[in-house]
Amino acid sequence: MSSLTFLTNEPLTKPGPGLIGVAVIVGASALVAALGGLITAPAVDGWYRGLSKPAWTPPDWVFGPVWAVLSATMAVAASIVWLARDCDDVSYPLSAFGTQLVLNFAWMVCFFGLKSPLLGFLEVCLLWVIVSVTVAEFFLVSRAAGLLALPYWLWVTFTASLNAAIVILGG
């Protein structure tokens, strides 16, 4: 019995649609994180440091590890949902997950790539809505998947608040 069998009804003992789907989910999540890092890193070292930010802004070094861990937990959550596909219709939750991946990348492009806190804020509001839908849908399929996705929703909520404060402060 596989170590992930307790999370799903599908044993992971042989390659097949289950493992291929998990690999696609993990690969897409890693790709978004890597491409986002390429966009974000140059702006953090220059433009972002010069922005007026609220006193409660975490140090710059916190963001990368937090986003990496949350990307990984979201990939695990989406994988759990994918593996539950024989028991549930998972097309809507996984479509929401895919949409939030695209919107997560779009936020990095808007905020850091285009150096537009206002455009970033408008975009992160949309991201927050889609992540909210994703988390709710994940909970409907699997309690474990919903719980794993919840910290990402909390971080996007924090990110939206920080982005709003930067806009208010003139960024």
C-alpha atoms as a PDB file:
ATOM      1  CA  MET A   1       0.000   0.000   0.000  1.00  0.00           C
ATOM      2  CA  SER A   2       1.310   3.417  -0.946  1.00  0.00           C
ATOM      3  CA  SER A   3       1.966   6.100   1.627  1.00  0.00           C
ATOM      4  CA  LEU A   4      -0.608   8.370  -0.069  1.00  0.00           C
ATOM      5  CA  THR A   5      -3.352   5.736  -0.209  1.00  0.00           C
ATOM      6  CA  PHE A   6      -4.722   7.024   3.107  1.00  0.00           C
ATOM      7  CA  LEU A   7      -5.439  10.377   1.401  1.00  0.00           C
ATOM      8  CA  THR A   8      -7.210   8.906  -1.599  1.00  0.00           C
ATOM      9  CA  ASN A   9      -8.867   5.771  -2.856  1.00  0.00           C
ATOM     10  CA  GLU A  10      -6.249   5.248  -5.551  1.00  0.00           C
ATOM     11  CA  PRO A  11      -3.091   3.286  -4.732  1.00  0.00           C
ATOM     12  CA  LEU A  12       0.061   4.874  -6.142  1.00  0.00           C
ATOM     13  CA  THR A  13       1.962   1.685  -6.796  1.00  0.00           C
ATOM     14  CA  LYS A  14       2.190   1.874 -10.586  1.00  0.00           C
ATOM     15  CA  PRO A  15       2.648   4.648 -13.135  1.00  0.00           C
ATOM     16  CA  GLY A  16      -0.592   5.603 -14.767  1.00  0.00           C
ATOM     17  CA  PRO A  17      -3.083   8.431 -15.036  1.00  0.00           C
ATOM     18  CA  GLY A  18      -2.885   9.072 -11.286  1.00  0.00           C
ATOM     19  CA  LEU A  19       0.853   9.609 -11.146  1.00  0.00           C
ATOM     20  CA  ILE A  20       0.955  11.395 -14.496  1.00  0.00           C
ATOM     21  CA  GLY A  21      -1.689  13.842 -13.269  1.00  0.00           C
ATOM     22  CA  VAL A  22       0.241  14.424 -10.053  1.00  0.00           C
ATOM     23  CA  ALA A  23       3.403  15.051 -12.089  1.00  0.00           C
ATOM     24  CA  VAL A  24       1.558  17.592 -14.268  1.00  0.00           C
ATOM     25  CA  ILE A  25       0.193  19.392 -11.191  1.00  0.00           C
ATOM     26  CA  VAL A  26       3.587  19.494  -9.473  1.00  0.00           C
ATOM     27  CA  GLY A  27       5.326  20.525 -12.698  1.00  0.00           C
ATOM     28  CA  ALA A  28       2.863  23.347 -13.398  1.00  0.00           C
ATOM     29  CA  SER A  29       3.173  24.621  -9.829  1.00  0.00           C
ATOM     30  CA  ALA A  30       6.967  24.523  -9.988  1.00  0.00           C
ATOM     31  CA  LEU A  31       6.979  26.258 -13.382  1.00  0.00           C
ATOM     32  CA  VAL A  32       4.816  29.123 -12.113  1.00  0.00           C
ATOM     33  CA  ALA A  33       7.041  29.505  -9.042  1.00  0.00           C
ATOM     34  CA  ALA A  34      10.242  29.463 -11.131  1.00  0.00           C
ATOM     35  CA  LEU A  35       8.988  31.900 -13.771  1.00  0.00           C
ATOM     36  CA  GLY A  36       7.596  34.145 -11.049  1.00  0.00           C
ATOM     37  CA  GLY A  37      10.968  34.147  -9.337  1.00  0.00           C
ATOM     38  CA  LEU A  38      12.651  35.235 -12.574  1.00  0.00           C
ATOM     39  CA  ILE A  39      10.261  38.184 -12.814  1.00  0.00           C
ATOM     40  CA  THR A  40      10.320  39.069  -9.131  1.00  0.00           C
ATOM     41  CA  ALA A  41      14.026  38.854  -8.248  1.00  0.00           C
ATOM     42  CA  PRO A  42      15.296  41.787 -10.336  1.00  0.00           C
ATOM     43  CA  ALA A  43      12.514  44.081  -9.101  1.00  0.00           C
ATOM     44  CA  VAL A  44      13.032  43.190  -5.432  1.00  0.00           C
ATOM     45  CA  ASP A  45      16.683  44.201  -5.551  1.00  0.00           C
ATOM     46  CA  GLY A  46      15.878  47.639  -6.938  1.00  0.00           C
ATOM     47  CA  TRP A  47      12.381  48.975  -7.436  1.00  0.00           C
ATOM     48  CA  TYR A  48      10.608  47.170  -4.572  1.00  0.00           C
ATOM     49  CA  ARG A  49      13.151  48.274  -1.952  1.00  0.00           C
ATOM     50  CA  GLY A  50      12.454  51.895  -2.853  1.00  0.00           C
ATOM     51  CA  LEU A  51       8.676  51.634  -2.366  1.00  0.00           C
ATOM     52  CA  SER A  52       6.979  53.100   0.697  1.00  0.00           C
ATOM     53  CA  LYS A  53       5.725  50.100   2.642  1.00  0.00           C
ATOM     54  CA  PRO A  54       3.842  49.719   5.932  1.00  0.00           C
ATOM     55  CA  ALA A  55       5.795  48.981   9.116  1.00  0.00           C
ATOM     56  CA  TRP A  56       4.322  45.465   9.245  1.00  0.00           C
ATOM     57  CA  THR A  57       5.970  44.451   5.951  1.00  0.00           C
ATOM     58  CA  PRO A  58       8.037  41.274   6.468  1.00  0.00           C
ATOM     59  CA  PRO A  59      11.719  41.310   5.511  1.00  0.00           C
ATOM     60  CA  ASP A  60      12.341  40.592   1.819  1.00  0.00           C
ATOM     61  CA  TRP A  61      13.942  37.201   2.549  1.00  0.00           C
ATOM     62  CA  VAL A  62      10.628  35.869   3.994  1.00  0.00           C
ATOM     63  CA  PHE A  63       8.669  36.011   0.741  1.00  0.00           C
ATOM     64  CA  GLY A  64      10.579  33.456  -1.347  1.00  0.00           C
ATOM     65  CA  PRO A  65      10.477  30.612   1.177  1.00  0.00           C
ATOM     66  CA  VAL A  66       6.844  31.284   2.079  1.00  0.00           C
ATOM     67  CA  TRP A  67       5.736  31.286  -1.561  1.00  0.00           C
ATOM     68  CA  ALA A  68       7.782  28.111  -2.199  1.00  0.00           C
ATOM     69  CA  VAL A  69       6.254  26.220   0.725  1.00  0.00           C
ATOM     70  CA  LEU A  70       2.748  27.389  -0.152  1.00  0.00           C
ATOM     71  CA  SER A  71       3.203  26.445  -3.814  1.00  0.00           C
ATOM     72  CA  ALA A  72       4.242  22.975  -2.685  1.00  0.00           C
ATOM     73  CA  THR A  73       1.303  22.571  -0.302  1.00  0.00           C
ATOM     74  CA  MET A  74      -1.097  23.731  -3.022  1.00  0.00           C
ATOM     75  CA  ALA A  75       0.409  21.172  -5.414  1.00  0.00           C
ATOM     76  CA  VAL A  76      -0.099  18.447  -2.805  1.00  0.00           C
ATOM     77  CA  ALA A  77      -3.678  19.623  -2.201  1.00  0.00           C
ATOM     78  CA  ALA A  78      -4.441  19.643  -5.944  1.00  0.00           C
ATOM     79  CA  SER A  79      -2.849  16.202  -6.262  1.00  0.00           C
ATOM     80  CA  ILE A  80      -5.135  14.858  -3.547  1.00  0.00           C
ATOM     81  CA  VAL A  81      -8.110  16.294  -5.429  1.00  0.00           C
ATOM     82  CA  TRP A  82      -6.864  14.785  -8.688  1.00  0.00           C
ATOM     83  CA  LEU A  83      -6.486  11.367  -7.070  1.00  0.00           C
ATOM     84  CA  ALA A  84     -10.071  11.555  -5.782  1.00  0.00           C
ATOM     85  CA  ARG A  85     -11.431  11.821  -9.334  1.00  0.00           C
ATOM     86  CA  ASP A  86     -13.017   8.342  -9.258  1.00  0.00           C
ATOM     87  CA  CYS A  87     -15.099   9.364  -6.255  1.00  0.00           C
ATOM     88  CA  ASP A  88     -15.881  12.962  -7.155  1.00  0.00           C
ATOM     89  CA  ASP A  89     -16.172  15.227 -10.136  1.00  0.00           C
ATOM     90  CA  VAL A  90     -12.954  17.187  -9.788  1.00  0.00           C
ATOM     91  CA  SER A  91     -13.086  19.201 -13.011  1.00  0.00           C
ATOM     92  CA  TYR A  92     -14.349  22.370 -11.305  1.00  0.00           C
ATOM     93  CA  PRO A  93     -11.900  22.322  -8.352  1.00  0.00           C
ATOM     94  CA  LEU A  94      -8.956  21.598 -10.638  1.00  0.00           C
ATOM     95  CA  SER A  95     -10.069  24.263 -13.123  1.00  0.00           C
ATOM     96  CA  ALA A  96     -10.144  26.728 -10.228  1.00  0.00           C
ATOM     97  CA  PHE A  97      -6.655  25.549  -9.216  1.00  0.00           C
ATOM     98  CA  GLY A  98      -5.334  26.050 -12.756  1.00  0.00           C
ATOM     99  CA  THR A  99      -6.914  29.491 -12.919  1.00  0.00           C
ATOM    100  CA  GLN A 100      -5.320  30.526  -9.626  1.00  0.00           C
ATOM    101  CA  LEU A 101      -1.917  29.377 -10.932  1.00  0.00           C
ATOM    102  CA  VAL A 102      -2.332  31.652 -13.954  1.00  0.00           C
ATOM    103  CA  LEU A 103      -3.541  34.533 -11.773  1.00  0.00           C
ATOM    104  CA  ASN A 104      -0.690  34.033  -9.296  1.00  0.00           C
ATOM    105  CA  PHE A 105       1.774  34.413 -12.161  1.00  0.00           C
ATOM    106  CA  ALA A 106      -0.173  37.392 -13.525  1.00  0.00           C
ATOM    107  CA  TRP A 107       0.091  39.132 -10.142  1.00  0.00           C
ATOM    108  CA  MET A 108       3.879  38.785 -10.220  1.00  0.00           C
ATOM    109  CA  VAL A 109       3.924  40.204 -13.751  1.00  0.00           C
ATOM    110  CA  CYS A 110       1.660  43.130 -12.819  1.00  0.00           C
ATOM    111  CA  PHE A 111       3.267  44.035  -9.503  1.00  0.00           C
ATOM    112  CA  PHE A 112       6.948  43.240 -10.088  1.00  0.00           C
ATOM    113  CA  GLY A 113       7.298  42.939 -13.870  1.00  0.00           C
ATOM    114  CA  LEU A 114       5.293  46.029 -14.757  1.00  0.00           C
ATOM    115  CA  LYS A 115       6.145  47.701 -11.442  1.00  0.00           C
ATOM    116  CA  SER A 116       2.519  48.646 -10.937  1.00  0.00           C
ATOM    117  CA  PRO A 117       1.202  48.252  -7.387  1.00  0.00           C
ATOM    118  CA  LEU A 118      -2.229  49.478  -8.503  1.00  0.00           C
ATOM    119  CA  LEU A 119      -2.518  46.948 -11.325  1.00  0.00           C
ATOM    120  CA  GLY A 120      -1.091  44.324  -8.956  1.00  0.00           C
ATOM    121  CA  PHE A 121      -3.746  45.167  -6.371  1.00  0.00           C
ATOM    122  CA  LEU A 122      -6.588  44.868  -8.885  1.00  0.00           C
ATOM    123  CA  GLU A 123      -5.167  41.545 -10.040  1.00  0.00           C
ATOM    124  CA  VAL A 124      -4.571  40.156  -6.527  1.00  0.00           C
ATOM    125  CA  CYS A 125      -8.214  40.887  -5.682  1.00  0.00           C
ATOM    126  CA  LEU A 126      -9.227  38.601  -8.528  1.00  0.00           C
ATOM    127  CA  LEU A 127      -6.637  36.057  -7.383  1.00  0.00           C
ATOM    128  CA  TRP A 128      -8.100  36.181  -3.861  1.00  0.00           C
ATOM    129  CA  VAL A 129     -11.574  35.370  -5.198  1.00  0.00           C
ATOM    130  CA  ILE A 130     -10.325  32.436  -7.268  1.00  0.00           C
ATOM    131  CA  VAL A 131      -8.209  31.080  -4.399  1.00  0.00           C
ATOM    132  CA  SER A 132     -11.284  31.328  -2.162  1.00  0.00           C
ATOM    133  CA  VAL A 133     -13.254  29.277  -4.688  1.00  0.00           C
ATOM    134  CA  THR A 134     -10.380  26.795  -5.011  1.00  0.00           C
ATOM    135  CA  VAL A 135     -10.139  26.276  -1.249  1.00  0.00           C
ATOM    136  CA  ALA A 136     -13.911  25.834  -0.910  1.00  0.00           C
ATOM    137  CA  GLU A 137     -13.989  23.360  -3.803  1.00  0.00           C
ATOM    138  CA  PHE A 138     -11.021  21.437  -2.400  1.00  0.00           C
ATOM    139  CA  PHE A 139     -12.834  21.093   0.929  1.00  0.00           C
ATOM    140  CA  LEU A 140     -15.827  19.616  -0.905  1.00  0.00           C
ATOM    141  CA  VAL A 141     -13.603  16.892  -2.355  1.00  0.00           C
ATOM    142  CA  SER A 142     -11.209  16.267   0.542  1.00  0.00           C
ATOM    143  CA  ARG A 143     -10.833  17.732   4.010  1.00  0.00           C
ATOM    144  CA  ALA A 144      -7.058  17.198   3.774  1.00  0.00           C
ATOM    145  CA  ALA A 145      -6.877  19.073   0.453  1.00  0.00           C
ATOM    146  CA  GLY A 146      -8.921  21.964   1.845  1.00  0.00           C
ATOM    147  CA  LEU A 147      -6.767  22.210   4.954  1.00  0.00           C
ATOM    148  CA  LEU A 148      -3.583  22.173   2.871  1.00  0.00           C
ATOM    149  CA  ALA A 149      -4.958  24.957   0.647  1.00  0.00           C
ATOM    150  CA  LEU A 150      -6.113  27.191   3.504  1.00  0.00           C
ATOM    151  CA  PRO A 151      -2.654  28.647   4.353  1.00  0.00           C
ATOM    152  CA  TYR A 152      -2.278  29.746   0.727  1.00  0.00           C
ATOM    153  CA  TRP A 153      -5.584  31.620   0.963  1.00  0.00           C
ATOM    154  CA  LEU A 154      -4.379  33.276   4.184  1.00  0.00           C
ATOM    155  CA  TRP A 155      -1.103  34.319   2.505  1.00  0.00           C
ATOM    156  CA  VAL A 156      -2.908  35.717  -0.544  1.00  0.00           C
ATOM    157  CA  THR A 157      -5.140  37.646   1.878  1.00  0.00           C
ATOM    158  CA  PHE A 158      -2.002  39.054   3.535  1.00  0.00           C
ATOM    159  CA  THR A 159      -0.443  39.793   0.134  1.00  0.00           C
ATOM    160  CA  ALA A 160      -3.552  41.684  -0.974  1.00  0.00           C
ATOM    161  CA  SER A 161      -3.488  43.713   2.256  1.00  0.00           C
ATOM    162  CA  LEU A 162       0.184  44.541   1.823  1.00  0.00           C
ATOM    163  CA  ASN A 163      -0.359  45.414  -1.834  1.00  0.00           C
ATOM    164  CA  ALA A 164      -3.268  47.714  -0.865  1.00  0.00           C
ATOM    165  CA  ALA A 165      -1.144  49.435   1.787  1.00  0.00           C
ATOM    166  CA  ILE A 166       1.623  50.036  -0.766  1.00  0.00           C
ATOM    167  CA  VAL A 167      -0.901  51.629  -3.131  1.00  0.00           C
ATOM    168  CA  ILE A 168      -2.276  53.822  -0.329  1.00  0.00           C
ATOM    169  CA  LEU A 169       1.241  54.900   0.624  1.00  0.00           C
ATOM    170  CA  GLY A 170       1.811  56.115  -2.919  1.00  0.00           C
ATOM    171  CA  GLY A 171       3.431  53.104  -4.542  1.00  0.00           C
END
